[in-house]
Amino acid sequence: MKVTTTPNLFILHTLKEGVTPEAFDTWVRTTDQPAMRSLARMQDFCTCRAERLLMGEGKPGIACIEAFAIPDLDGFVAEDMGGATVQTVMGDCMGLADAPQFIVVSEA
């Protein structure tokens, strides 16, 4: 699924040692996406695997990027973040990823 509206939240994930990209992808499809898409404030989001650098050598410093379009981000933070759905997803994620970065963005 492609994000069809402007994202306002990105989450950057680095996988914990021993967690394979395939295991993370399975969790995303079976747990993360269905749960997060069930939230009323979640307009759209997609999860993308970081595959390679466009320039230079080496690997990307992250494994996965999630782009979220949440029109009522303040309501999401105030009400949804503390709810069972988001807390369960975040707890699961912390078992797979090291210190995810939650970055709020705006269009330049």
Protein backbone atom coordinates (compact mmCIF):
# COMPACT_ATOMS: atom_id res chain seq x y z
CA MET A 1 0.00 0.00 0.00
CA LYS A 2 1.28 3.44 -0.85
CA VAL A 3 0.67 6.44 1.36
CA THR A 4 -1.70 8.62 -0.63
CA THR A 5 -1.63 11.65 1.65
CA THR A 6 1.28 13.61 3.07
CA PRO A 7 2.94 11.68 5.91
CA ASN A 8 3.45 13.55 9.16
CA LEU A 9 5.16 10.81 11.16
CA PHE A 10 8.06 8.57 10.21
CA ILE A 11 9.40 5.72 12.30
CA LEU A 12 12.92 4.51 11.57
CA HIS A 13 13.70 0.96 12.67
CA THR A 14 17.01 -0.83 13.20
CA LEU A 15 16.46 -4.53 13.84
CA LYS A 16 17.80 -6.17 16.96
CA GLU A 17 20.59 -8.68 16.53
CA GLY A 18 19.12 -12.02 15.48
CA VAL A 19 15.91 -10.54 14.03
CA THR A 20 15.73 -11.19 10.30
CA PRO A 21 14.12 -8.79 7.83
CA GLU A 22 11.72 -11.60 6.92
CA ALA A 23 10.61 -12.03 10.55
CA PHE A 24 10.07 -8.27 10.85
CA ASP A 25 8.11 -8.20 7.56
CA THR A 26 5.87 -11.01 8.83
CA TRP A 27 5.17 -9.11 12.05
CA VAL A 28 4.39 -5.96 10.04
CA ARG A 29 1.86 -7.79 7.82
CA THR A 30 0.20 -9.86 10.55
CA THR A 31 0.25 -7.54 13.56
CA ASP A 32 1.46 -3.98 12.94
CA GLN A 33 -0.54 -3.06 9.85
CA PRO A 34 -3.90 -4.60 10.85
CA ALA A 35 -3.76 -3.12 14.36
CA MET A 36 -2.65 0.37 13.36
CA ARG A 37 -5.07 0.54 10.43
CA SER A 38 -7.91 -0.21 12.85
CA LEU A 39 -7.42 3.17 14.57
CA ALA A 40 -9.89 5.87 13.55
CA ARG A 41 -7.21 8.59 13.37
CA MET A 42 -4.95 6.52 11.11
CA GLN A 43 -5.62 7.82 7.62
CA ASP A 44 -2.88 5.92 5.82
CA PHE A 45 0.53 4.37 6.32
CA CYS A 46 3.05 2.14 4.66
CA THR A 47 6.08 0.18 5.75
CA CYS A 48 9.17 0.12 3.54
CA ARG A 49 12.32 -1.96 3.86
CA ALA A 50 15.57 -0.01 3.44
CA GLU A 51 17.30 -1.99 0.69
CA ARG A 52 20.43 -0.12 -0.32
CA LEU A 53 22.12 3.24 -0.54
CA LEU A 54 21.59 5.21 -3.72
CA MET A 55 25.12 6.59 -3.57
CA GLY A 56 28.20 5.24 -1.87
CA GLU A 57 28.97 1.84 -0.52
CA GLY A 58 27.76 -0.03 2.51
CA LYS A 59 24.32 -0.68 3.89
CA PRO A 60 21.68 1.76 5.14
CA GLY A 61 21.91 2.56 8.84
CA ILE A 62 18.28 1.47 9.31
CA ALA A 63 16.30 -1.60 8.25
CA CYS A 64 12.80 -0.21 7.84
CA ILE A 65 10.91 3.08 7.51
CA GLU A 66 7.23 3.53 8.28
CA ALA A 67 5.41 6.59 6.92
CA PHE A 68 2.15 7.57 8.64
CA ALA A 69 -0.52 10.08 7.63
CA ILE A 70 -2.39 11.00 10.82
CA PRO A 71 -4.47 14.17 10.31
CA ASP A 72 -5.18 14.56 14.05
CA LEU A 73 -1.68 13.87 15.32
CA ASP A 74 -2.32 15.72 18.60
CA GLY A 75 -5.40 13.55 19.25
CA PHE A 76 -3.42 10.44 18.30
CA VAL A 77 -0.69 11.32 20.80
CA ALA A 78 -3.15 12.35 23.55
CA GLU A 79 -5.58 9.45 23.19
CA ASP A 80 -4.34 6.63 20.95
CA MET A 81 -0.69 6.41 22.05
CA GLY A 82 -1.68 5.30 25.56
CA GLY A 83 -4.38 2.92 24.35
CA ALA A 84 -4.13 -0.87 24.28
CA THR A 85 -3.73 -1.14 20.50
CA VAL A 86 -0.76 1.21 20.16
CA GLN A 87 0.88 0.05 23.40
CA THR A 88 0.67 -3.60 22.30
CA VAL A 89 2.12 -2.81 18.87
CA MET A 90 4.88 -0.68 20.38
CA GLY A 91 5.72 -3.38 22.93
CA ASP A 92 5.98 -5.99 20.18
CA CYS A 93 8.08 -3.62 18.08
CA MET A 94 10.52 -3.02 20.94
CA GLY A 95 11.18 -6.76 20.97
CA LEU A 96 12.20 -6.63 17.30
CA ALA A 97 13.81 -3.22 16.82
CA ASP A 98 16.45 -1.26 18.74
CA ALA A 99 15.32 2.22 19.83
CA PRO A 100 12.97 3.14 16.97
CA GLN A 101 13.08 6.84 16.11
CA PHE A 102 9.66 8.52 15.96
CA ILE A 103 10.03 11.64 13.81
CA VAL A 104 7.23 14.17 13.34
CA VAL A 105 7.57 15.96 10.01
CA SER A 106 5.87 18.70 8.03
CA GLU A 107 5.96 19.48 4.36
CA ALA A 108 8.61 22.07 3.46
